[in-house]
C-alpha atoms as a PDB file:
ATOM      1  CA  UNK A   1     125.556 139.122 160.913  1.00  0.00           C
ATOM      2  CA  UNK A   2     123.949 141.735 158.676  1.00  0.00           C
ATOM      3  CA  UNK A   3     122.254 144.710 160.316  1.00  0.00           C
ATOM      4  CA  UNK A   4     118.554 144.905 159.355  1.00  0.00           C
ATOM      5  CA  UNK A   5     116.713 148.161 159.956  1.00  0.00           C
ATOM      6  CA  UNK A   6     113.023 148.982 159.763  1.00  0.00           C
ATOM      7  CA  UNK A   7     111.459 150.541 156.681  1.00  0.00           C
ATOM      8  CA  UNK A   8     110.732 153.708 158.666  1.00  0.00           C
ATOM      9  CA  UNK A   9     114.420 153.953 159.569  1.00  0.00           C
ATOM     10  CA  UNK A  10     115.362 153.451 155.915  1.00  0.00           C
ATOM     11  CA  UNK A  11     113.013 156.228 154.809  1.00  0.00           C
ATOM     12  CA  UNK A  12     114.338 158.561 157.489  1.00  0.00           C
ATOM     13  CA  UNK A  13     117.916 157.859 156.404  1.00  0.00           C
ATOM     14  CA  UNK A  14     117.033 158.382 152.726  1.00  0.00           C
ATOM     15  CA  UNK A  15     116.013 161.987 153.357  1.00  0.00           C
ATOM     16  CA  UNK A  16     119.661 162.915 152.847  1.00  0.00           C
ATOM     17  CA  UNK A  17     119.148 162.347 149.100  1.00  0.00           C
ATOM     18  CA  UNK A  18     117.321 164.573 146.633  1.00  0.00           C
ATOM     19  CA  UNK A  19     115.101 161.761 145.300  1.00  0.00           C
ATOM     20  CA  UNK A  20     114.256 158.185 146.144  1.00  0.00           C
ATOM     21  CA  UNK A  21     113.190 155.682 143.474  1.00  0.00           C
ATOM     22  CA  UNK A  22     111.490 152.314 143.918  1.00  0.00           C
ATOM     23  CA  UNK A  23     112.017 148.996 142.108  1.00  0.00           C
ATOM     24  CA  UNK A  24     109.404 146.383 142.957  1.00  0.00           C
ATOM     25  CA  UNK A  25     109.380 142.646 142.380  1.00  0.00           C
ATOM     26  CA  UNK A  26     106.847 139.889 142.879  1.00  0.00           C
ATOM     27  CA  UNK A  27     106.942 140.252 146.657  1.00  0.00           C
ATOM     28  CA  UNK A  28     104.929 143.457 146.224  1.00  0.00           C
ATOM     29  CA  UNK A  29     102.060 141.473 144.719  1.00  0.00           C
ATOM     30  CA  UNK A  30     102.456 138.476 147.015  1.00  0.00           C
ATOM     31  CA  UNK A  31     101.986 140.790 149.997  1.00  0.00           C
ATOM     32  CA  UNK A  32      98.593 141.780 148.587  1.00  0.00           C
ATOM     33  CA  UNK A  33      97.333 138.408 147.331  1.00  0.00           C
ATOM     34  CA  UNK A  34      99.626 135.617 148.563  1.00  0.00           C
ATOM     35  CA  UNK A  35      97.330 132.874 147.302  1.00  0.00           C
ATOM     36  CA  UNK A  36      97.591 133.807 143.610  1.00  0.00           C
ATOM     37  CA  UNK A  37     100.874 135.580 142.919  1.00  0.00           C
ATOM     38  CA  UNK A  38     103.375 132.855 143.786  1.00  0.00           C
ATOM     39  CA  UNK A  39     104.493 132.175 140.224  1.00  0.00           C
ATOM     40  CA  UNK A  40     107.652 132.892 138.342  1.00  0.00           C
ATOM     41  CA  UNK A  41     106.301 133.558 134.861  1.00  0.00           C
ATOM     42  CA  UNK A  42     103.232 133.042 132.726  1.00  0.00           C
ATOM     43  CA  UNK A  43     104.957 130.176 130.964  1.00  0.00           C
ATOM     44  CA  UNK A  44     105.503 128.387 134.268  1.00  0.00           C
ATOM     45  CA  UNK A  45     101.942 129.163 135.339  1.00  0.00           C
ATOM     46  CA  UNK A  46     100.430 127.914 132.070  1.00  0.00           C
ATOM     47  CA  UNK A  47      98.618 124.570 131.994  1.00  0.00           C
ATOM     48  CA  UNK A  48      99.761 122.470 129.033  1.00  0.00           C
ATOM     49  CA  UNK A  49      98.196 119.248 130.328  1.00  0.00           C
ATOM     50  CA  UNK A  50      95.660 119.101 127.470  1.00  0.00           C
ATOM     51  CA  UNK A  51      98.280 120.042 124.857  1.00  0.00           C
ATOM     52  CA  UNK A  52     101.622 118.693 126.129  1.00  0.00           C
ATOM     53  CA  UNK A  53     103.119 118.724 122.638  1.00  0.00           C
ATOM     54  CA  UNK A  54     102.985 122.545 122.621  1.00  0.00           C
ATOM     55  CA  UNK A  55     105.862 122.667 125.101  1.00  0.00           C
ATOM     56  CA  UNK A  56     108.063 121.371 122.261  1.00  0.00           C
ATOM     57  CA  UNK A  57     107.176 124.451 120.196  1.00  0.00           C
ATOM     58  CA  UNK A  58     108.736 126.699 122.840  1.00  0.00           C
ATOM     59  CA  UNK A  59     111.750 124.402 123.143  1.00  0.00           C
ATOM     60  CA  UNK A  60     112.433 124.390 119.381  1.00  0.00           C
ATOM     61  CA  UNK A  61     112.043 128.176 119.173  1.00  0.00           C
ATOM     62  CA  UNK A  62     114.241 128.655 122.240  1.00  0.00           C
ATOM     63  CA  UNK A  63     111.793 130.967 123.969  1.00  0.00           C
ATOM     64  CA  UNK A  64     109.112 131.179 126.642  1.00  0.00           C
ATOM     65  CA  UNK A  65     107.397 134.055 124.835  1.00  0.00           C
ATOM     66  CA  UNK A  66     103.801 133.205 123.919  1.00  0.00           C
ATOM     67  CA  UNK A  67     103.641 135.815 121.166  1.00  0.00           C
ATOM     68  CA  UNK A  68     106.648 134.336 119.351  1.00  0.00           C
ATOM     69  CA  UNK A  69     105.228 130.816 119.592  1.00  0.00           C
ATOM     70  CA  UNK A  70     101.766 131.849 118.395  1.00  0.00           C
ATOM     71  CA  UNK A  71     103.070 133.923 115.496  1.00  0.00           C
ATOM     72  CA  UNK A  72     105.389 131.121 114.334  1.00  0.00           C
ATOM     73  CA  UNK A  73     102.556 128.583 114.372  1.00  0.00           C
ATOM     74  CA  UNK A  74     100.272 130.916 112.424  1.00  0.00           C
ATOM     75  CA  UNK A  75     103.021 131.699 109.902  1.00  0.00           C
ATOM     76  CA  UNK A  76     103.745 127.990 109.537  1.00  0.00           C
ATOM     77  CA  UNK A  77     100.090 127.300 108.860  1.00  0.00           C
ATOM     78  CA  UNK A  78     100.087 129.850 106.032  1.00  0.00           C
ATOM     79  CA  UNK A  79     103.357 128.571 104.539  1.00  0.00           C
ATOM     80  CA  UNK A  80     102.703 124.860 104.844  1.00  0.00           C
ATOM     81  CA  UNK A  81     100.955 124.637 101.467  1.00  0.00           C
ATOM     82  CA  UNK A  82     104.233 125.689  99.817  1.00  0.00           C
ATOM     83  CA  UNK A  83     106.551 123.310 101.654  1.00  0.00           C
ATOM     84  CA  UNK A  84     104.187 120.420 102.350  1.00  0.00           C
ATOM     85  CA  UNK A  85     101.707 120.508  99.457  1.00  0.00           C
ATOM     86  CA  UNK A  86      98.827 118.114  99.815  1.00  0.00           C
ATOM     87  CA  UNK A  87      99.098 117.974 103.611  1.00  0.00           C
ATOM     88  CA  UNK A  88      96.284 120.282 104.637  1.00  0.00           C
ATOM     89  CA  UNK A  89      96.150 118.572 108.002  1.00  0.00           C
ATOM     90  CA  UNK A  90      99.527 120.150 108.892  1.00  0.00           C
ATOM     91  CA  UNK A  91      98.199 123.661 108.349  1.00  0.00           C
ATOM     92  CA  UNK A  92      95.040 122.884 110.282  1.00  0.00           C
ATOM     93  CA  UNK A  93      97.035 121.405 113.154  1.00  0.00           C
ATOM     94  CA  UNK A  94      99.350 124.422 113.416  1.00  0.00           C
ATOM     95  CA  UNK A  95      96.435 126.852 113.360  1.00  0.00           C
ATOM     96  CA  UNK A  96      94.589 124.802 115.957  1.00  0.00           C
ATOM     97  CA  UNK A  97      97.694 124.793 118.163  1.00  0.00           C
ATOM     98  CA  UNK A  98      98.031 128.574 117.771  1.00  0.00           C
ATOM     99  CA  UNK A  99      94.427 128.974 118.928  1.00  0.00           C
ATOM    100  CA  UNK A 100      95.061 126.586 121.815  1.00  0.00           C
ATOM    101  CA  UNK A 101      98.092 128.640 122.898  1.00  0.00           C
ATOM    102  CA  UNK A 102      95.982 131.789 122.916  1.00  0.00           C
ATOM    103  CA  UNK A 103      93.484 130.145 125.241  1.00  0.00           C
ATOM    104  CA  UNK A 104      96.249 128.754 127.472  1.00  0.00           C
ATOM    105  CA  UNK A 105      97.691 132.258 127.761  1.00  0.00           C
ATOM    106  CA  UNK A 106      94.295 133.723 128.616  1.00  0.00           C
ATOM    107  CA  UNK A 107      93.642 131.031 131.202  1.00  0.00           C
ATOM    108  CA  UNK A 108      97.043 131.620 132.818  1.00  0.00           C
ATOM    109  CA  UNK A 109      96.280 135.333 133.042  1.00  0.00           C
ATOM    110  CA  UNK A 110      92.808 134.786 134.491  1.00  0.00           C
ATOM    111  CA  UNK A 111      93.879 132.132 136.983  1.00  0.00           C
ATOM    112  CA  UNK A 112      96.689 134.243 138.386  1.00  0.00           C
ATOM    113  CA  UNK A 113      95.031 137.623 138.660  1.00  0.00           C
ATOM    114  CA  UNK A 114      91.936 139.234 140.227  1.00  0.00           C
ATOM    115  CA  UNK A 115      89.299 140.028 137.599  1.00  0.00           C
ATOM    116  CA  UNK A 116      88.470 143.581 138.654  1.00  0.00           C
ATOM    117  CA  UNK A 117      89.751 146.141 141.200  1.00  0.00           C
ATOM    118  CA  UNK A 118      86.673 145.519 143.347  1.00  0.00           C
ATOM    119  CA  UNK A 119      88.122 142.082 144.160  1.00  0.00           C
ATOM    120  CA  UNK A 120      90.628 143.886 146.396  1.00  0.00           C
ATOM    121  CA  UNK A 121      89.429 145.787 149.508  1.00  0.00           C
ATOM    122  CA  UNK A 122      89.546 149.583 149.300  1.00  0.00           C
ATOM    123  CA  UNK A 123      91.602 149.683 152.483  1.00  0.00           C
ATOM    124  CA  UNK A 124      94.468 147.906 150.729  1.00  0.00           C
ATOM    125  CA  UNK A 125      94.479 150.397 147.863  1.00  0.00           C
ATOM    126  CA  UNK A 126      94.371 153.379 150.242  1.00  0.00           C
ATOM    127  CA  UNK A 127      97.245 151.907 152.226  1.00  0.00           C
ATOM    128  CA  UNK A 128      99.304 151.315 149.085  1.00  0.00           C
ATOM    129  CA  UNK A 129      98.695 154.870 147.929  1.00  0.00           C
ATOM    130  CA  UNK A 130     100.151 156.139 151.205  1.00  0.00           C
ATOM    131  CA  UNK A 131     103.162 153.910 150.637  1.00  0.00           C
ATOM    132  CA  UNK A 132     103.659 155.071 147.042  1.00  0.00           C
ATOM    133  CA  UNK A 133     103.418 158.681 148.184  1.00  0.00           C
ATOM    134  CA  UNK A 134     106.923 158.236 149.607  1.00  0.00           C
ATOM    135  CA  UNK A 135     108.199 157.829 146.041  1.00  0.00           C
ATOM    136  CA  UNK A 136     105.648 159.477 143.748  1.00  0.00           C
ATOM    137  CA  UNK A 137     104.456 162.260 146.023  1.00  0.00           C
ATOM    138  CA  UNK A 138     105.171 165.968 145.609  1.00  0.00           C
ATOM    139  CA  UNK A 139     107.756 165.896 148.399  1.00  0.00           C
ATOM    140  CA  UNK A 140     109.938 163.405 146.549  1.00  0.00           C
ATOM    141  CA  UNK A 141     109.245 163.439 142.773  1.00  0.00           C
ATOM    142  CA  UNK A 142     110.813 160.029 142.243  1.00  0.00           C
ATOM    143  CA  UNK A 143     109.986 157.171 139.895  1.00  0.00           C
ATOM    144  CA  UNK A 144     108.605 153.662 140.337  1.00  0.00           C
ATOM    145  CA  UNK A 145     109.818 150.707 138.271  1.00  0.00           C
ATOM    146  CA  UNK A 146     108.046 147.365 138.370  1.00  0.00           C
ATOM    147  CA  UNK A 147     109.194 143.988 137.077  1.00  0.00           C
ATOM    148  CA  UNK A 148     105.700 142.517 137.587  1.00  0.00           C
ATOM    149  CA  UNK A 149     103.134 141.771 134.886  1.00  0.00           C
ATOM    150  CA  UNK A 150     100.093 142.248 137.103  1.00  0.00           C
ATOM    151  CA  UNK A 151      97.827 145.267 137.416  1.00  0.00           C
ATOM    152  CA  UNK A 152      98.019 145.883 141.158  1.00  0.00           C
ATOM    153  CA  UNK A 153     100.307 148.903 140.810  1.00  0.00           C
ATOM    154  CA  UNK A 154      98.227 150.349 137.965  1.00  0.00           C
ATOM    155  CA  UNK A 155      94.960 149.799 139.802  1.00  0.00           C
ATOM    156  CA  UNK A 156      96.398 151.478 142.905  1.00  0.00           C
ATOM    157  CA  UNK A 157      97.485 154.539 140.958  1.00  0.00           C
ATOM    158  CA  UNK A 158      94.011 154.839 139.420  1.00  0.00           C
ATOM    159  CA  UNK A 159      92.144 154.185 142.684  1.00  0.00           C
ATOM    160  CA  UNK A 160      90.385 156.984 144.550  1.00  0.00           C
ATOM    161  CA  UNK A 161      91.638 158.118 147.924  1.00  0.00           C
ATOM    162  CA  UNK A 162      89.997 157.344 151.227  1.00  0.00           C
ATOM    163  CA  UNK A 163      87.028 159.778 151.426  1.00  0.00           C
ATOM    164  CA  UNK A 164      87.621 160.103 155.174  1.00  0.00           C
ATOM    165  CA  UNK A 165      91.314 160.893 154.834  1.00  0.00           C
ATOM    166  CA  UNK A 166      93.570 163.463 153.243  1.00  0.00           C
ATOM    167  CA  UNK A 167      93.865 163.312 149.450  1.00  0.00           C
ATOM    168  CA  UNK A 168      97.146 161.916 148.116  1.00  0.00           C
ATOM    169  CA  UNK A 169      98.343 163.418 144.863  1.00  0.00           C
ATOM    170  CA  UNK A 170     100.495 160.780 143.206  1.00  0.00           C
ATOM    171  CA  UNK A 171     102.428 161.308 139.985  1.00  0.00           C
ATOM    172  CA  UNK A 172     100.769 158.740 137.700  1.00  0.00           C
ATOM    173  CA  UNK A 173     102.200 159.673 134.296  1.00  0.00           C
ATOM    174  CA  UNK A 174     103.262 156.491 132.507  1.00  0.00           C
ATOM    175  CA  UNK A 175     103.781 157.941 129.027  1.00  0.00           C
ATOM    176  CA  UNK A 176     100.341 157.001 127.655  1.00  0.00           C
ATOM    177  CA  UNK A 177      97.662 159.365 126.353  1.00  0.00           C
ATOM    178  CA  UNK A 178      94.664 159.615 124.049  1.00  0.00           C
ATOM    179  CA  UNK A 179      94.973 158.346 120.489  1.00  0.00           C
ATOM    180  CA  UNK A 180      94.834 161.525 118.386  1.00  0.00           C
ATOM    181  CA  UNK A 181      92.858 159.655 115.721  1.00  0.00           C
ATOM    182  CA  UNK A 182      90.382 158.140 118.178  1.00  0.00           C
ATOM    183  CA  UNK A 183      90.395 160.071 121.481  1.00  0.00           C
ATOM    184  CA  UNK A 184      87.274 158.256 122.722  1.00  0.00           C
ATOM    185  CA  UNK A 185      88.706 154.753 122.201  1.00  0.00           C
ATOM    186  CA  UNK A 186      88.581 152.152 124.975  1.00  0.00           C
ATOM    187  CA  UNK A 187      92.348 152.400 125.221  1.00  0.00           C
ATOM    188  CA  UNK A 188      95.152 154.981 125.318  1.00  0.00           C
ATOM    189  CA  UNK A 189      98.412 154.767 123.382  1.00  0.00           C
ATOM    190  CA  UNK A 190     102.074 155.252 124.200  1.00  0.00           C
ATOM    191  CA  UNK A 191     103.049 158.780 123.216  1.00  0.00           C
ATOM    192  CA  UNK A 192     106.601 157.960 122.170  1.00  0.00           C
ATOM    193  CA  UNK A 193     110.065 158.584 123.511  1.00  0.00           C
ATOM    194  CA  UNK A 194     109.848 162.395 123.762  1.00  0.00           C
ATOM    195  CA  UNK A 195     106.687 162.370 125.882  1.00  0.00           C
ATOM    196  CA  UNK A 196     108.025 159.432 127.906  1.00  0.00           C
ATOM    197  CA  UNK A 197     110.776 161.580 129.415  1.00  0.00           C
ATOM    198  CA  UNK A 198     108.236 162.912 131.923  1.00  0.00           C
ATOM    199  CA  UNK A 199     106.889 159.452 132.839  1.00  0.00           C
ATOM    200  CA  UNK A 200     107.102 158.467 136.499  1.00  0.00           C
ATOM    201  CA  UNK A 201     105.852 154.858 136.343  1.00  0.00           C
ATOM    202  CA  UNK A 202     107.538 152.174 134.250  1.00  0.00           C
ATOM    203  CA  UNK A 203     106.523 148.576 133.578  1.00  0.00           C
ATOM    204  CA  UNK A 204     110.005 147.322 132.742  1.00  0.00           C
ATOM    205  CA  UNK A 205     108.839 143.863 131.626  1.00  0.00           C
ATOM    206  CA  UNK A 206     105.447 144.845 130.209  1.00  0.00           C
ATOM    207  CA  UNK A 207     102.107 144.189 131.858  1.00  0.00           C
ATOM    208  CA  UNK A 208      98.708 142.590 131.389  1.00  0.00           C
ATOM    209  CA  UNK A 209      97.076 145.835 130.260  1.00  0.00           C
ATOM    210  CA  UNK A 210      99.655 146.702 127.582  1.00  0.00           C
ATOM    211  CA  UNK A 211      98.977 145.315 124.105  1.00  0.00           C
ATOM    212  CA  UNK A 212     101.061 145.435 120.951  1.00  0.00           C
ATOM    213  CA  UNK A 213      98.694 146.477 118.163  1.00  0.00           C
ATOM    214  CA  UNK A 214     101.387 146.514 115.482  1.00  0.00           C
ATOM    215  CA  UNK A 215     101.487 150.219 114.631  1.00  0.00           C
ATOM    216  CA  UNK A 216     101.141 151.330 118.255  1.00  0.00           C
ATOM    217  CA  UNK A 217     101.291 150.183 121.855  1.00  0.00           C
ATOM    218  CA  UNK A 218      97.891 150.339 123.504  1.00  0.00           C
ATOM    219  CA  UNK A 219      97.023 150.449 127.192  1.00  0.00           C
ATOM    220  CA  UNK A 220      93.623 149.090 128.130  1.00  0.00           C
ATOM    221  CA  UNK A 221      92.028 151.112 130.895  1.00  0.00           C
ATOM    222  CA  UNK A 222      89.623 149.831 133.517  1.00  0.00           C
ATOM    223  CA  UNK A 223      88.000 153.264 133.805  1.00  0.00           C
ATOM    224  CA  UNK A 224      86.979 153.349 130.139  1.00  0.00           C
ATOM    225  CA  UNK A 225      85.634 149.817 129.840  1.00  0.00           C
ATOM    226  CA  UNK A 226      84.738 148.394 133.281  1.00  0.00           C
ATOM    227  CA  UNK A 227      85.370 145.019 131.613  1.00  0.00           C
ATOM    228  CA  UNK A 228      86.948 142.069 133.373  1.00  0.00           C
ATOM    229  CA  UNK A 229      90.642 141.534 132.733  1.00  0.00           C
ATOM    230  CA  UNK A 230      90.063 138.188 131.024  1.00  0.00           C
ATOM    231  CA  UNK A 231      87.462 139.688 128.682  1.00  0.00           C
ATOM    232  CA  UNK A 232      89.763 142.553 127.708  1.00  0.00           C
ATOM    233  CA  UNK A 233      92.623 140.147 127.054  1.00  0.00           C
ATOM    234  CA  UNK A 234      90.484 137.750 124.996  1.00  0.00           C
ATOM    235  CA  UNK A 235      89.114 140.567 122.833  1.00  0.00           C
ATOM    236  CA  UNK A 236      92.605 141.962 122.217  1.00  0.00           C
ATOM    237  CA  UNK A 237      94.218 138.634 121.368  1.00  0.00           C
ATOM    238  CA  UNK A 238      91.378 137.715 119.018  1.00  0.00           C
ATOM    239  CA  UNK A 239      92.135 140.996 117.222  1.00  0.00           C
ATOM    240  CA  UNK A 240      95.795 139.924 116.914  1.00  0.00           C
ATOM    241  CA  UNK A 241      96.931 142.291 119.663  1.00  0.00           C
ATOM    242  CA  UNK A 242      99.313 140.559 122.044  1.00  0.00           C
ATOM    243  CA  UNK A 243     100.060 141.370 125.675  1.00  0.00           C
ATOM    244  CA  UNK A 244     103.468 142.967 126.007  1.00  0.00           C
ATOM    245  CA  UNK A 245     105.391 140.619 128.296  1.00  0.00           C
ATOM    246  CA  UNK A 246     109.069 139.934 128.743  1.00  0.00           C
ATOM    247  CA  UNK A 247     108.627 136.270 129.626  1.00  0.00           C
ATOM    248  CA  UNK A 248     111.974 134.947 128.412  1.00  0.00           C
ATOM    249  CA  UNK A 249     113.951 133.019 130.986  1.00  0.00           C
ATOM    250  CA  UNK A 250     117.499 134.411 131.004  1.00  0.00           C
ATOM    251  CA  UNK A 251     118.722 137.951 131.575  1.00  0.00           C
ATOM    252  CA  UNK A 252     120.267 138.118 128.097  1.00  0.00           C
ATOM    253  CA  UNK A 253     117.011 136.987 126.475  1.00  0.00           C
ATOM    254  CA  UNK A 254     115.059 139.586 128.442  1.00  0.00           C
ATOM    255  CA  UNK A 255     117.500 142.315 127.489  1.00  0.00           C
ATOM    256  CA  UNK A 256     117.237 141.375 123.813  1.00  0.00           C
ATOM    257  CA  UNK A 257     113.457 141.781 123.878  1.00  0.00           C
ATOM    258  CA  UNK A 258     113.697 145.063 125.796  1.00  0.00           C
ATOM    259  CA  UNK A 259     116.120 146.493 123.245  1.00  0.00           C
ATOM    260  CA  UNK A 260     113.733 145.636 120.405  1.00  0.00           C
ATOM    261  CA  UNK A 261     110.729 147.423 121.940  1.00  0.00           C
ATOM    262  CA  UNK A 262     110.714 151.218 122.120  1.00  0.00           C
ATOM    263  CA  UNK A 263     108.505 151.419 125.226  1.00  0.00           C
ATOM    264  CA  UNK A 264     110.466 148.842 127.222  1.00  0.00           C
ATOM    265  CA  UNK A 265     113.799 150.298 126.180  1.00  0.00           C
ATOM    266  CA  UNK A 266     112.729 153.799 127.180  1.00  0.00           C
ATOM    267  CA  UNK A 267     111.880 152.587 130.695  1.00  0.00           C
ATOM    268  CA  UNK A 268     115.233 150.808 130.865  1.00  0.00           C
ATOM    269  CA  UNK A 269     117.012 154.013 129.844  1.00  0.00           C
ATOM    270  CA  UNK A 270     115.114 156.027 132.459  1.00  0.00           C
ATOM    271  CA  UNK A 271     116.228 153.623 135.179  1.00  0.00           C
ATOM    272  CA  UNK A 272     119.793 153.760 133.877  1.00  0.00           C
ATOM    273  CA  UNK A 273     119.769 157.568 133.889  1.00  0.00           C
ATOM    274  CA  UNK A 274     118.533 157.747 137.472  1.00  0.00           C
ATOM    275  CA  UNK A 275     121.101 155.159 138.533  1.00  0.00           C
ATOM    276  CA  UNK A 276     123.747 157.536 137.171  1.00  0.00           C
ATOM    277  CA  UNK A 277     122.543 160.436 139.336  1.00  0.00           C
ATOM    278  CA  UNK A 278     124.722 160.817 142.427  1.00  0.00           C
ATOM    279  CA  UNK A 279     122.189 162.508 144.695  1.00  0.00           C
ATOM    280  CA  UNK A 280     119.488 159.868 144.162  1.00  0.00           C
ATOM    281  CA  UNK A 281     118.871 156.599 146.043  1.00  0.00           C
ATOM    282  CA  UNK A 282     116.992 153.397 145.194  1.00  0.00           C
ATOM    283  CA  UNK A 283     114.704 151.177 147.258  1.00  0.00           C
ATOM    284  CA  UNK A 284     114.221 147.558 146.176  1.00  0.00           C
ATOM    285  CA  UNK A 285     111.109 145.833 147.506  1.00  0.00           C
ATOM    286  CA  UNK A 286     110.098 142.197 147.121  1.00  0.00           C
ATOM    287  CA  UNK A 287     112.797 141.147 144.684  1.00  0.00           C
ATOM    288  CA  UNK A 288     115.235 138.255 145.042  1.00  0.00           C
ATOM    289  CA  UNK A 289     118.008 139.933 142.999  1.00  0.00           C
ATOM    290  CA  UNK A 290     118.119 136.740 140.930  1.00  0.00           C
ATOM    291  CA  UNK A 291     120.514 136.578 138.006  1.00  0.00           C
ATOM    292  CA  UNK A 292     117.713 136.377 135.422  1.00  0.00           C
ATOM    293  CA  UNK A 293     117.207 140.095 136.101  1.00  0.00           C
ATOM    294  CA  UNK A 294     120.890 141.006 135.866  1.00  0.00           C
ATOM    295  CA  UNK A 295     120.128 143.208 132.855  1.00  0.00           C
ATOM    296  CA  UNK A 296     118.455 145.549 135.373  1.00  0.00           C
ATOM    297  CA  UNK A 297     120.651 144.953 138.413  1.00  0.00           C
ATOM    298  CA  UNK A 298     123.872 145.595 136.518  1.00  0.00           C
ATOM    299  CA  UNK A 299     122.716 149.197 136.026  1.00  0.00           C
ATOM    300  CA  UNK A 300     122.971 149.597 139.796  1.00  0.00           C
ATOM    301  CA  UNK A 301     126.464 148.130 139.914  1.00  0.00           C
ATOM    302  CA  UNK A 302     127.556 150.451 137.107  1.00  0.00           C
ATOM    303  CA  UNK A 303     125.722 153.494 138.456  1.00  0.00           C
ATOM    304  CA  UNK A 304     126.688 156.513 140.533  1.00  0.00           C
ATOM    305  CA  UNK A 305     123.816 156.847 143.038  1.00  0.00           C
ATOM    306  CA  UNK A 306     125.071 156.599 146.581  1.00  0.00           C
ATOM    307  CA  UNK A 307     122.793 154.231 148.489  1.00  0.00           C
ATOM    308  CA  UNK A 308     120.560 151.232 147.870  1.00  0.00           C
ATOM    309  CA  UNK A 309     117.976 149.975 150.383  1.00  0.00           C
ATOM    310  CA  UNK A 310     117.104 146.294 149.883  1.00  0.00           C
ATOM    311  CA  UNK A 311     114.233 144.405 151.521  1.00  0.00           C
ATOM    312  CA  UNK A 312     114.691 141.080 153.306  1.00  0.00           C
ATOM    313  CA  UNK A 313     111.733 138.889 154.194  1.00  0.00           C
ATOM    314  CA  UNK A 314     111.998 136.678 157.254  1.00  0.00           C
ATOM    315  CA  UNK A 315     115.156 135.435 158.931  1.00  0.00           C
ATOM    316  CA  UNK A 316     118.202 137.313 157.574  1.00  0.00           C
ATOM    317  CA  UNK A 317     120.164 134.067 157.958  1.00  0.00           C
ATOM    318  CA  UNK A 318     117.780 132.125 155.731  1.00  0.00           C
ATOM    319  CA  UNK A 319     119.450 130.877 152.563  1.00  0.00           C
ATOM    320  CA  UNK A 320     117.316 133.019 150.234  1.00  0.00           C
ATOM    321  CA  UNK A 321     118.206 136.146 152.211  1.00  0.00           C
ATOM    322  CA  UNK A 322     121.893 135.253 152.230  1.00  0.00           C
ATOM    323  CA  UNK A 323     121.739 135.115 148.444  1.00  0.00           C
ATOM    324  CA  UNK A 324     120.104 138.558 148.317  1.00  0.00           C
ATOM    325  CA  UNK A 325     122.704 139.990 150.708  1.00  0.00           C
ATOM    326  CA  UNK A 326     125.584 138.522 148.723  1.00  0.00           C
ATOM    327  CA  UNK A 327     124.183 139.769 145.427  1.00  0.00           C
ATOM    328  CA  UNK A 328     123.552 143.291 146.761  1.00  0.00           C
ATOM    329  CA  UNK A 329     127.082 143.454 148.152  1.00  0.00           C
ATOM    330  CA  UNK A 330     128.500 142.145 144.875  1.00  0.00           C
ATOM    331  CA  UNK A 331     126.780 144.997 143.021  1.00  0.00           C
ATOM    332  CA  UNK A 332     128.354 147.479 145.422  1.00  0.00           C
ATOM    333  CA  UNK A 333     131.733 145.832 144.860  1.00  0.00           C
ATOM    334  CA  UNK A 334     131.505 146.577 141.132  1.00  0.00           C
ATOM    335  CA  UNK A 335     131.460 150.326 141.745  1.00  0.00           C
ATOM    336  CA  UNK A 336     134.324 152.641 140.928  1.00  0.00           C
ATOM    337  CA  UNK A 337     136.044 154.024 144.027  1.00  0.00           C
ATOM    338  CA  UNK A 338     134.888 157.465 142.856  1.00  0.00           C
ATOM    339  CA  UNK A 339     131.214 156.497 143.207  1.00  0.00           C
ATOM    340  CA  UNK A 340     130.909 153.981 146.053  1.00  0.00           C
ATOM    341  CA  UNK A 341     127.552 152.312 146.705  1.00  0.00           C
ATOM    342  CA  UNK A 342     126.390 151.826 150.278  1.00  0.00           C
ATOM    343  CA  UNK A 343     123.860 149.033 150.845  1.00  0.00           C
ATOM    344  CA  UNK A 344     121.326 148.938 153.677  1.00  0.00           C
ATOM    345  CA  UNK A 345     118.894 146.097 154.364  1.00  0.00           C
ATOM    346  CA  UNK A 346     115.423 146.639 155.780  1.00  0.00           C
ATOM    347  CA  UNK A 347     112.743 144.311 157.106  1.00  0.00           C
ATOM    348  CA  UNK A 348     110.121 143.765 154.378  1.00  0.00           C
ATOM    349  CA  UNK A 349     107.415 143.097 156.968  1.00  0.00           C
ATOM    350  CA  UNK A 350     107.732 146.707 158.163  1.00  0.00           C
ATOM    351  CA  UNK A 351     107.217 147.965 154.610  1.00  0.00           C
ATOM    352  CA  UNK A 352     104.092 146.041 153.581  1.00  0.00           C
ATOM    353  CA  UNK A 353     102.526 148.469 151.056  1.00  0.00           C
ATOM    354  CA  UNK A 354      99.077 146.945 151.543  1.00  0.00           C
ATOM    355  CA  UNK A 355      99.077 147.567 155.296  1.00  0.00           C
ATOM    356  CA  UNK A 356     101.066 150.788 155.363  1.00  0.00           C
ATOM    357  CA  UNK A 357      99.784 153.185 158.031  1.00  0.00           C
END
């Protein structure tokens, strides 16, 4: 039977390393809002009941990426007059379906996410800031990587501290800054690979507040707009700016998209570099270690850092936990004998970021 320690014991043990880093999965968000974050992807969460034929578009294109589907429909609408002259209804249908997909995407976002930070109690944010201080605080200087699309991590980093408690100075640099051409814009822009080397927070699969504007990657900020998430998303999509999501199903498909986006690839390289640092350690919280994220997990198996702390939720003998244990041990087994990886498992219930004392 596997030995499961408490989160406090894991943190105490990790003090032997120079830095600890954190990789978070959907369990992080479920712990905050269990009624809305139990979904695997936006595609799975989307409601196609009024437009069931649109599922075939994704199937033909071999993707679950909304942006690819929308752009192909819009391109088809423009090209249809060349290949199907006299059939204006085809162009109209494709454009209508593109518009319908935009609304389905927006609805999926709105239905599976709080509108504004005020929807979450301050106490939860203050608790999460104390938790993140273990990784992003001055005493550690680590990095946080998230595989989630939601804004809970971002909102926590931007949230004020408890006025009755001690201030927590978290490293919040995510590589974004003012647009030099429009410093007062409602958004900030990614500053490029050079500036990103100092980033401490990485959205490895994109997020709901990151939009591809063609010439630049924009981050919509709650502080500058005070607009609801759904309103920000609708305005951006109507301006042909698409949320940056890695929604593809398989690990290879995800990796392909990451490699073709400078921001995503930079975060991937940062994780890889830290995984190659012997005196560092990694904590994994709320992630199933499923094979569709092998493009990330393989970096741990091929790395040099000495210890990995993995969360287990519930009975360690439950089937889902057995799969996590087996996968974590298989990653350790891939290591060279020169750089062995020790794996420790901790009880996720003792590490709840939203109730961290």
